[in-house]
Amino acid sequence: MAVSKDRHKPFGVDLDPNKDLTHTTQPDGDVKVTRKGENIKYMDYIDIMEERATRKGDGKSPVKSEMGLFGGFGKGTLKKAYEK
């Protein structure tokens, strides 16, 4: 099995292009993980890496865009609950 020294590049594939994940091994053997500067659980880190690997395997960017969808201008055709 190939092992990469960079924890975010398993098998040479960059799964953290924005460098927003940190993975630090503590002296007691525990792991401290942060995402965008905030502490997260190790299992959440594993989930994020799995999702990124799946996206990369599907030929997409490993990191989702945080930009929402644009609905357009104008009145639209959906009726609001307060409209009759």
Protein backbone atom coordinates (compact mmCIF):
# COMPACT_ATOMS: atom_id res chain seq x y z
CA MET A 1 0.00 0.00 0.00
CA ALA A 2 1.35 3.41 -0.92
CA VAL A 3 1.59 5.88 1.94
CA SER A 4 1.90 9.60 1.38
CA LYS A 5 3.70 11.81 3.91
CA ASP A 6 1.14 14.56 3.24
CA ARG A 7 -1.99 13.38 5.03
CA HIS A 8 -4.29 15.13 2.56
CA LYS A 9 -2.76 13.49 -0.53
CA PRO A 10 -3.50 9.78 -0.30
CA PHE A 11 -2.07 8.01 -3.36
CA GLY A 12 -0.86 11.41 -4.61
CA VAL A 13 -4.38 12.86 -5.01
CA ASP A 14 -4.84 16.29 -3.39
CA LEU A 15 -8.09 16.18 -1.38
CA ASP A 16 -7.49 19.50 0.39
CA PRO A 17 -6.64 22.04 -2.33
CA ASN A 18 -7.82 25.00 -0.20
CA LYS A 19 -5.70 23.90 2.80
CA ASP A 20 -8.67 24.29 5.17
CA LEU A 21 -8.09 21.00 7.06
CA THR A 22 -5.38 20.40 9.64
CA HIS A 23 -4.54 17.03 11.17
CA THR A 24 -2.11 17.11 14.11
CA THR A 25 -1.01 14.08 16.13
CA GLN A 26 -0.77 14.90 19.84
CA PRO A 27 2.03 13.52 22.09
CA ASP A 28 -0.43 11.13 23.77
CA GLY A 29 -1.32 9.63 20.38
CA ASP A 30 -4.65 11.42 20.04
CA VAL A 31 -5.41 13.50 16.95
CA LYS A 32 -6.48 17.15 16.84
CA VAL A 33 -8.38 18.06 13.69
CA THR A 34 -9.53 21.51 12.59
CA ARG A 35 -11.51 22.72 9.60
CA LYS A 36 -11.25 26.40 8.69
CA GLY A 37 -9.76 27.03 12.14
CA GLU A 38 -12.56 25.35 14.12
CA ASN A 39 -12.10 22.08 16.02
CA ILE A 40 -14.06 19.14 14.61
CA LYS A 41 -14.39 15.48 15.59
CA TYR A 42 -12.07 12.97 13.95
CA MET A 43 -15.04 11.04 12.52
CA ASP A 44 -16.27 14.25 10.86
CA TYR A 45 -12.78 14.64 9.35
CA ILE A 46 -12.98 11.08 7.99
CA ASP A 47 -16.44 11.83 6.52
CA ILE A 48 -15.14 15.00 4.83
CA MET A 49 -12.18 13.16 3.33
CA GLU A 50 -14.42 10.31 2.15
CA GLU A 51 -16.82 12.77 0.49
CA ARG A 52 -13.93 14.56 -1.22
CA ALA A 53 -12.43 11.28 -2.45
CA THR A 54 -15.82 10.25 -3.86
CA ARG A 55 -16.24 13.61 -5.64
CA LYS A 56 -12.71 13.37 -7.05
CA GLY A 57 -13.41 9.81 -8.23
CA ASP A 58 -16.51 11.09 -10.03
CA GLY A 59 -14.35 13.60 -11.91
CA LYS A 60 -15.53 16.62 -9.92
CA SER A 61 -13.61 19.10 -7.78
CA PRO A 62 -12.98 17.57 -4.33
CA VAL A 63 -14.29 20.71 -2.60
CA LYS A 64 -17.84 21.88 -3.18
CA SER A 65 -18.39 25.48 -4.10
CA GLU A 66 -19.96 27.40 -1.23
CA MET A 67 -21.82 29.62 -3.67
CA GLY A 68 -25.57 29.11 -3.74
CA LEU A 69 -27.81 28.91 -6.76
CA PHE A 70 -29.20 32.06 -8.36
CA GLY A 71 -32.95 32.03 -8.80
CA GLY A 72 -33.16 34.99 -11.17
CA PHE A 73 -34.88 38.34 -11.18
CA GLY A 74 -38.56 39.11 -11.31
CA LYS A 75 -41.72 38.09 -9.52
CA GLY A 76 -41.42 34.39 -10.17
CA THR A 77 -44.19 31.81 -10.34
CA LEU A 78 -44.14 30.30 -6.84
CA LYS A 79 -46.88 31.43 -4.49
CA LYS A 80 -45.91 32.33 -0.95
CA ALA A 81 -47.93 30.98 1.99
CA TYR A 82 -49.12 34.48 2.82
CA GLU A 83 -50.38 35.10 -0.75
CA LYS A 84 -53.77 33.90 -1.90
